[in-house]
């Protein structure tokens, strides 16, 4: 007699699913804070270490090389250890690194700190995102967009926190020490919560071979897209100052506006994701990103155009990261070992493109930044178009 397989577990099979979901949302606020704080802090960190602007851009490289390493390491551990305990360790590590940043006058040592901080960032992503997919399965897309909405909240608040800390005379030290306090209560809460199980060890999930070509293509899309997102978010502050568009406070507000638009876009996309397929959402997003960058490129010296283009770019970039993960989840089983490669791509892109942009700004001026980003997103659109063809044939 053939027994019909039971459907996969859903969120209500986990007694602590709601609490875990809220906790993951809070960890993504931390991820947004640590990601977006670097951009407006760059001039001060340059002064703190005595490094040139092009050299200080190596902090992006160190942080994202750490992100890539953390994604690999924690992706392996996630299938073997309780995910919430891993997140606890990660958050405590982040708190320690954030506290050390304003005490470090050596660029080399600061790069090491940002490398460890990047490892923690990669761990947060490679643990939190898949565990939400394990809990919600086919219903994960709106929840993933909500998760990254909270990343946007943190990213929106980070430049404001840095600006206010400088205005009030606390300096960079005050900003980073405040950031260091936030992960502690979240870590304590997560330590007490049970962890969802990986489908890799769930006997109810039928084993399927991993479509490695699709994994590689999605990882490449992540690499170029995240490099563009972090590149714009990291250098728009410097771009605005060097172009004479704003002073330090105004540039911080422009930086925050980008992340704020990203946050609003993710809130809007939660509802859209329940009605529109991930592939269509992504195509619209990439085309919208090209149009936004094209607008800024057409008048990079106009304050009005740059502000409007920045808002639009944030809105269109908003849902890309979570929706691409939901797209992957529709075409393969997401275990820690599989999804880690997406975050390796994320780290690789974030490690290289912001540094390249810093070198371009140093050598050719701030006007080189926007066309470089435009070409990057055009390449992303091309690669993703090929990815949808591969996915359809799988």
Protein backbone atom coordinates (compact mmCIF):
# COMPACT_ATOMS: atom_id res chain seq x y z
CA UNK A 1 0.00 0.00 0.00
CA UNK A 2 1.34 3.42 -0.97
CA UNK A 3 1.27 6.07 1.72
CA UNK A 4 0.66 9.60 0.51
CA UNK A 5 3.41 11.93 1.76
CA UNK A 6 2.46 14.50 4.35
CA UNK A 7 2.76 18.18 3.37
CA UNK A 8 5.76 20.06 4.66
CA UNK A 9 5.57 21.71 8.04
CA UNK A 10 4.23 25.23 8.16
CA UNK A 11 4.76 28.03 10.64
CA UNK A 12 2.12 26.82 13.09
CA UNK A 13 4.06 23.54 13.60
CA UNK A 14 6.62 25.56 15.57
CA UNK A 15 5.35 26.74 18.99
CA UNK A 16 7.86 29.61 19.00
CA UNK A 17 7.51 30.49 15.29
CA UNK A 18 6.04 33.93 15.91
CA UNK A 19 8.64 34.81 18.54
CA UNK A 20 11.46 33.57 16.33
CA UNK A 21 10.13 35.59 13.38
CA UNK A 22 10.05 38.77 15.48
CA UNK A 23 13.56 38.04 16.75
CA UNK A 24 14.84 37.60 13.18
CA UNK A 25 13.25 40.93 12.28
CA UNK A 26 15.17 42.57 15.14
CA UNK A 27 18.45 40.99 14.03
CA UNK A 28 17.94 42.48 10.58
CA UNK A 29 17.62 45.94 12.12
CA UNK A 30 21.09 45.32 13.56
CA UNK A 31 22.33 44.15 10.15
CA UNK A 32 21.00 47.34 8.55
CA UNK A 33 22.60 49.53 11.21
CA UNK A 34 26.05 47.96 10.82
CA UNK A 35 25.85 47.95 7.02
CA UNK A 36 24.82 51.58 6.55
CA UNK A 37 26.88 53.15 9.35
CA UNK A 38 30.16 52.75 7.46
CA UNK A 39 29.34 55.16 4.60
CA UNK A 40 28.79 58.36 6.64
CA UNK A 41 31.57 57.34 9.06
CA UNK A 42 34.21 57.03 6.32
CA UNK A 43 35.56 60.61 6.51
CA UNK A 44 35.90 60.36 10.31
CA UNK A 45 37.49 56.91 10.14
CA UNK A 46 39.87 58.28 7.50
CA UNK A 47 40.89 61.04 9.92
CA UNK A 48 41.05 58.59 12.83
CA UNK A 49 43.51 56.31 11.01
CA UNK A 50 45.31 58.91 8.88
CA UNK A 51 44.40 56.98 5.70
CA UNK A 52 43.50 58.50 2.34
CA UNK A 53 39.91 58.24 1.10
CA UNK A 54 40.80 55.60 -1.48
CA UNK A 55 42.59 53.51 1.15
CA UNK A 56 39.79 53.78 3.70
CA UNK A 57 37.52 52.22 1.09
CA UNK A 58 39.38 48.98 1.86
CA UNK A 59 37.12 48.72 4.91
CA UNK A 60 34.32 47.77 2.48
CA UNK A 61 36.58 45.06 1.11
CA UNK A 62 37.51 43.75 4.56
CA UNK A 63 33.91 43.77 5.77
CA UNK A 64 32.59 41.97 2.74
CA UNK A 65 35.45 39.47 2.59
CA UNK A 66 34.45 38.68 6.15
CA UNK A 67 30.82 38.49 5.05
CA UNK A 68 31.74 35.95 2.39
CA UNK A 69 33.79 33.90 4.87
CA UNK A 70 31.03 34.04 7.47
CA UNK A 71 28.46 32.93 4.91
CA UNK A 72 30.54 29.85 4.06
CA UNK A 73 31.28 28.93 7.65
CA UNK A 74 27.88 29.54 9.19
CA UNK A 75 26.12 28.04 6.15
CA UNK A 76 27.81 24.74 6.98
CA UNK A 77 27.10 25.05 10.70
CA UNK A 78 23.42 25.90 10.17
CA UNK A 79 22.60 22.36 9.02
CA UNK A 80 24.35 20.90 12.07
CA UNK A 81 23.76 23.28 15.00
CA UNK A 82 20.71 25.10 16.44
CA UNK A 83 20.32 28.25 14.37
CA UNK A 84 19.15 30.48 17.21
CA UNK A 85 22.21 29.59 19.29
CA UNK A 86 24.41 30.48 16.32
CA UNK A 87 22.65 33.84 16.04
CA UNK A 88 23.28 34.46 19.75
CA UNK A 89 27.03 33.97 19.30
CA UNK A 90 26.99 36.16 16.19
CA UNK A 91 25.21 39.05 17.93
CA UNK A 92 27.61 39.02 20.88
CA UNK A 93 30.53 39.12 18.45
CA UNK A 94 28.99 42.08 16.60
CA UNK A 95 28.57 43.99 19.85
CA UNK A 96 32.23 43.53 20.72
CA UNK A 97 33.48 44.60 17.26
CA UNK A 98 31.28 47.71 17.14
CA UNK A 99 32.64 48.77 20.52
CA UNK A 100 36.24 48.44 19.32
CA UNK A 101 35.89 50.47 16.08
CA UNK A 102 36.28 53.99 17.59
CA UNK A 103 39.24 52.86 19.71
CA UNK A 104 41.38 51.79 16.74
CA UNK A 105 43.86 54.18 15.12
CA UNK A 106 45.51 51.62 12.81
CA UNK A 107 43.95 51.01 9.40
CA UNK A 108 45.23 47.42 9.36
CA UNK A 109 43.69 46.66 12.74
CA UNK A 110 40.47 48.42 11.76
CA UNK A 111 40.30 46.24 8.64
CA UNK A 112 40.61 43.16 10.88
CA UNK A 113 37.75 44.40 13.05
CA UNK A 114 35.58 45.04 9.99
CA UNK A 115 36.49 41.58 8.68
CA UNK A 116 35.16 39.97 11.89
CA UNK A 117 32.12 42.27 11.81
CA UNK A 118 31.55 41.18 8.21
CA UNK A 119 31.73 37.51 9.26
CA UNK A 120 28.99 38.23 11.78
CA UNK A 121 26.90 40.03 9.13
CA UNK A 122 27.24 37.04 6.82
CA UNK A 123 26.22 34.74 9.66
CA UNK A 124 23.09 36.79 10.34
CA UNK A 125 22.04 36.60 6.70
CA UNK A 126 22.85 32.94 6.07
CA UNK A 127 21.07 31.87 9.26
CA UNK A 128 18.08 34.22 9.46
CA UNK A 129 16.90 34.07 5.84
CA UNK A 130 16.88 30.27 5.39
CA UNK A 131 15.28 29.69 8.80
CA UNK A 132 12.35 31.87 7.79
CA UNK A 133 12.03 29.84 4.58
CA UNK A 134 12.08 26.63 6.68
CA UNK A 135 9.26 27.97 8.83
CA UNK A 136 7.01 29.42 6.11
CA UNK A 137 7.99 27.36 3.02
CA UNK A 138 5.91 28.41 0.00
CA UNK A 139 4.49 31.37 1.91
CA UNK A 140 7.94 32.80 2.63
CA UNK A 141 8.11 35.63 0.04
CA UNK A 142 6.03 38.23 1.95
CA UNK A 143 7.77 37.31 5.22
CA UNK A 144 11.20 37.62 3.60
CA UNK A 145 10.27 41.05 2.26
CA UNK A 146 9.13 41.99 5.76
CA UNK A 147 12.46 40.73 7.15
CA UNK A 148 14.36 43.00 4.79
CA UNK A 149 12.00 45.87 5.58
CA UNK A 150 13.54 45.75 9.06
CA UNK A 151 17.01 45.77 7.49
CA UNK A 152 15.91 48.98 5.81
CA UNK A 153 14.83 50.47 9.15
CA UNK A 154 18.31 49.89 10.54
CA UNK A 155 19.97 51.21 7.39
CA UNK A 156 17.75 54.31 7.47
CA UNK A 157 18.56 55.03 11.11
CA UNK A 158 22.33 54.47 10.88
CA UNK A 159 23.31 57.68 8.97
CA UNK A 160 20.96 59.70 11.19
CA UNK A 161 22.58 58.21 14.28
CA UNK A 162 26.05 59.11 12.98
CA UNK A 163 24.96 62.63 12.01
CA UNK A 164 23.30 63.28 15.38
CA UNK A 165 26.26 61.88 17.27
CA UNK A 166 28.57 64.26 15.41
CA UNK A 167 26.17 67.20 15.91
CA UNK A 168 25.94 66.57 19.67
CA UNK A 169 29.70 66.35 20.03
CA UNK A 170 29.82 62.63 20.81
CA UNK A 171 31.81 61.93 17.65
CA UNK A 172 32.09 58.55 15.97
CA UNK A 173 32.80 56.98 19.35
CA UNK A 174 29.32 57.76 20.65
CA UNK A 175 27.63 56.44 17.50
CA UNK A 176 29.43 53.09 17.46
CA UNK A 177 29.10 52.54 21.19
CA UNK A 178 25.36 53.08 20.95
CA UNK A 179 25.29 50.58 18.08
CA UNK A 180 27.23 48.10 20.22
CA UNK A 181 24.52 48.05 22.91
CA UNK A 182 21.58 47.06 20.70
CA UNK A 183 22.53 43.43 19.87
CA UNK A 184 22.79 42.41 23.55
CA UNK A 185 19.06 42.10 24.51
CA UNK A 186 18.23 40.45 21.17
CA UNK A 187 20.98 37.89 21.74
CA UNK A 188 19.58 37.07 25.19
CA UNK A 189 16.09 36.57 23.74
CA UNK A 190 17.25 34.34 20.88
CA UNK A 191 19.24 32.15 23.26
CA UNK A 192 15.97 31.15 24.96
CA UNK A 193 14.05 30.29 21.75
CA UNK A 194 14.00 26.86 20.02
CA UNK A 195 15.36 26.73 16.48
CA UNK A 196 13.49 25.58 13.33
CA UNK A 197 14.88 22.46 11.64
CA UNK A 198 16.61 22.34 8.28
CA UNK A 199 14.82 20.56 5.40
CA UNK A 200 18.12 18.77 4.84
CA UNK A 201 17.47 16.81 8.03
CA UNK A 202 13.69 16.76 7.74
CA UNK A 203 12.70 13.20 6.79
CA UNK A 204 9.43 14.43 5.29
CA UNK A 205 11.19 16.37 2.54
CA UNK A 206 12.11 14.29 -0.48
CA UNK A 207 15.74 14.67 -1.50
CA UNK A 208 16.27 16.47 -4.77
CA UNK A 209 19.56 17.02 -6.60
CA UNK A 210 20.91 20.56 -6.35
CA UNK A 211 20.64 22.54 -9.65
CA UNK A 212 24.16 23.95 -9.47
CA UNK A 213 23.96 26.05 -12.64
CA UNK A 214 20.95 27.85 -11.21
CA UNK A 215 22.72 28.27 -7.85
CA UNK A 216 25.75 29.83 -9.57
CA UNK A 217 23.66 32.20 -11.70
CA UNK A 218 21.66 33.42 -8.70
CA UNK A 219 24.89 33.88 -6.73
CA UNK A 220 26.31 36.00 -9.58
CA UNK A 221 23.15 38.14 -9.66
CA UNK A 222 23.50 38.64 -5.92
CA UNK A 223 27.15 39.62 -6.32
CA UNK A 224 26.55 42.40 -8.84
CA UNK A 225 23.30 43.62 -7.32
CA UNK A 226 24.52 43.80 -3.72
CA UNK A 227 27.76 45.42 -4.88
CA UNK A 228 25.64 48.12 -6.54
CA UNK A 229 23.38 48.57 -3.51
CA UNK A 230 26.24 48.84 -1.02
CA UNK A 231 28.28 50.90 -3.46
CA UNK A 232 25.55 53.51 -3.84
CA UNK A 233 24.63 53.44 -0.16
CA UNK A 234 28.25 53.62 0.90
CA UNK A 235 29.47 56.38 -1.44
CA UNK A 236 26.42 58.62 -2.00
CA UNK A 237 27.44 60.59 1.11
CA UNK A 238 30.90 61.30 -0.35
CA UNK A 239 29.40 61.85 -3.84
CA UNK A 240 27.04 64.53 -2.54
CA UNK A 241 29.81 66.39 -0.70
CA UNK A 242 32.34 66.20 -3.54
CA UNK A 243 29.74 67.33 -6.09
CA UNK A 244 28.86 70.30 -3.90
CA UNK A 245 25.27 69.09 -3.53
CA UNK A 246 25.24 69.19 0.29
CA UNK A 247 27.31 69.70 3.43
CA UNK A 248 28.04 66.91 5.88
CA UNK A 249 24.59 66.98 7.52
CA UNK A 250 22.72 67.24 4.22
CA UNK A 251 24.78 64.40 2.74
CA UNK A 252 23.97 62.24 5.77
CA UNK A 253 20.27 62.97 5.24
CA UNK A 254 20.57 62.06 1.54
CA UNK A 255 22.31 58.83 2.54
CA UNK A 256 19.56 58.14 5.04
CA UNK A 257 16.92 58.97 2.43
CA UNK A 258 18.23 56.21 0.17
CA UNK A 259 17.93 53.63 2.95
CA UNK A 260 14.60 55.12 3.99
CA UNK A 261 13.22 54.68 0.46
CA UNK A 262 14.55 51.12 0.55
CA UNK A 263 12.62 50.60 3.79
CA UNK A 264 9.36 52.04 2.46
CA UNK A 265 9.74 49.99 -0.73
CA UNK A 266 10.10 46.80 1.29
CA UNK A 267 6.99 47.60 3.27
CA UNK A 268 5.08 48.14 0.02
CA UNK A 269 6.53 44.96 -1.49
CA UNK A 270 5.17 42.79 1.34
CA UNK A 271 1.68 43.20 -0.16
CA UNK A 272 2.87 43.02 -3.77
CA UNK A 273 4.72 39.75 -3.08
CA UNK A 274 1.44 38.03 -2.22
CA UNK A 275 0.09 38.74 -5.72
CA UNK A 276 3.04 38.93 -8.13
CA UNK A 277 5.48 36.15 -9.01
CA UNK A 278 9.10 36.74 -7.91
CA UNK A 279 10.48 36.68 -11.47
CA UNK A 280 8.16 39.49 -12.61
CA UNK A 281 8.88 41.57 -9.49
CA UNK A 282 12.61 41.27 -10.11
CA UNK A 283 12.40 42.26 -13.77
CA UNK A 284 10.42 45.40 -12.88
CA UNK A 285 12.88 46.20 -10.08
CA UNK A 286 15.97 45.97 -12.29
CA UNK A 287 14.43 48.08 -15.06
CA UNK A 288 13.37 50.66 -12.45
CA UNK A 289 16.92 50.75 -11.04
CA UNK A 290 18.29 51.46 -14.51
CA UNK A 291 15.81 54.28 -15.02
CA UNK A 292 16.66 55.82 -11.63
CA UNK A 293 20.41 55.74 -12.22
CA UNK A 294 19.86 57.06 -15.73
CA UNK A 295 17.98 60.02 -14.25
CA UNK A 296 20.86 60.88 -11.90
CA UNK A 297 23.37 60.36 -14.71
CA UNK A 298 21.49 62.87 -16.86
CA UNK A 299 22.03 65.69 -14.31
CA UNK A 300 24.51 64.70 -11.58
CA UNK A 301 24.99 68.33 -10.53
CA UNK A 302 21.30 68.96 -9.86
CA UNK A 303 20.28 68.69 -6.21
CA UNK A 304 16.64 68.02 -7.14
CA UNK A 305 17.44 65.31 -9.70
CA UNK A 306 19.89 63.53 -7.40
CA UNK A 307 17.41 63.49 -4.52
CA UNK A 308 14.56 62.22 -6.74
CA UNK A 309 16.81 59.62 -8.37
CA UNK A 310 18.03 58.46 -4.97
CA UNK A 311 14.46 57.98 -3.70
CA UNK A 312 13.44 56.04 -6.83
CA UNK A 313 16.56 53.87 -6.72
CA UNK A 314 15.86 52.95 -3.10
CA UNK A 315 12.25 52.06 -3.93
CA UNK A 316 13.17 49.82 -6.86
CA UNK A 317 16.08 48.17 -5.04
CA UNK A 318 13.87 47.47 -2.04
CA UNK A 319 12.53 44.02 -2.82
CA UNK A 320 15.41 42.59 -4.89
CA UNK A 321 17.34 40.78 -2.15
CA UNK A 322 14.41 38.95 -0.47
CA UNK A 323 12.54 38.32 -3.72
CA UNK A 324 15.59 36.74 -5.33
CA UNK A 325 15.80 34.37 -2.35
CA UNK A 326 12.10 33.56 -2.74
CA UNK A 327 12.71 32.97 -6.47
CA UNK A 328 15.46 30.49 -5.55
CA UNK A 329 13.19 28.78 -3.02
CA UNK A 330 10.65 28.08 -5.76
CA UNK A 331 13.20 26.19 -7.85
CA UNK A 332 15.31 24.33 -5.25
CA UNK A 333 15.39 23.17 -1.64
CA UNK A 334 17.14 25.82 0.43
CA UNK A 335 19.44 24.26 3.02
CA UNK A 336 22.23 26.12 4.78
CA UNK A 337 24.77 24.43 2.51
CA UNK A 338 22.95 25.61 -0.63
CA UNK A 339 21.93 29.13 0.36
CA UNK A 340 25.40 29.96 1.67
CA UNK A 341 26.58 30.32 -1.95
CA UNK A 342 24.08 33.15 -2.48
CA UNK A 343 25.58 34.98 0.47
CA UNK A 344 29.10 34.22 -0.75
CA UNK A 345 28.10 36.01 -3.95
CA UNK A 346 26.69 38.82 -1.82
CA UNK A 347 29.97 39.13 0.07
CA UNK A 348 32.06 38.98 -3.10
CA UNK A 349 30.08 41.77 -4.73
CA UNK A 350 30.04 43.89 -1.60
CA UNK A 351 33.77 43.34 -1.21
CA UNK A 352 34.77 44.45 -4.70
CA UNK A 353 32.37 46.99 -6.21
CA UNK A 354 32.36 49.59 -3.37
CA UNK A 355 36.17 49.48 -3.40
CA UNK A 356 36.21 49.90 -7.20
CA UNK A 357 33.86 52.86 -6.88
CA UNK A 358 36.18 54.42 -4.29
CA UNK A 359 39.10 54.07 -6.69
CA UNK A 360 37.06 55.57 -9.54
CA UNK A 361 36.06 58.54 -7.38
CA UNK A 362 39.66 59.01 -6.28
CA UNK A 363 41.04 58.93 -9.85
CA UNK A 364 38.25 60.33 -12.04
CA UNK A 365 36.05 62.28 -9.65
CA UNK A 366 32.56 61.58 -8.25
CA UNK A 367 30.91 61.82 -11.68
CA UNK A 368 32.34 58.35 -12.53
CA UNK A 369 30.24 56.66 -9.85
CA UNK A 370 26.79 56.76 -11.48
CA UNK A 371 27.68 55.42 -14.96
CA UNK A 372 29.63 52.58 -13.31
CA UNK A 373 26.55 51.63 -11.29
CA UNK A 374 24.30 51.94 -14.36
CA UNK A 375 26.45 49.47 -16.28
CA UNK A 376 26.48 47.12 -13.28
CA UNK A 377 22.68 47.00 -13.05
CA UNK A 378 22.41 46.54 -16.83
CA UNK A 379 24.62 43.47 -16.45
CA UNK A 380 22.45 42.24 -13.57
CA UNK A 381 19.34 42.49 -15.77
CA UNK A 382 21.04 40.53 -18.53
CA UNK A 383 22.23 37.74 -16.21
CA UNK A 384 18.87 37.46 -14.47
CA UNK A 385 17.10 37.15 -17.81
CA UNK A 386 19.30 34.13 -18.52
CA UNK A 387 18.60 32.79 -15.02
CA UNK A 388 14.85 32.76 -15.63
CA UNK A 389 15.40 30.73 -18.80
CA UNK A 390 17.50 28.17 -16.91
CA UNK A 391 14.92 28.01 -14.11
CA UNK A 392 12.09 27.42 -16.56
CA UNK A 393 13.92 24.45 -18.09
CA UNK A 394 14.75 22.83 -14.74
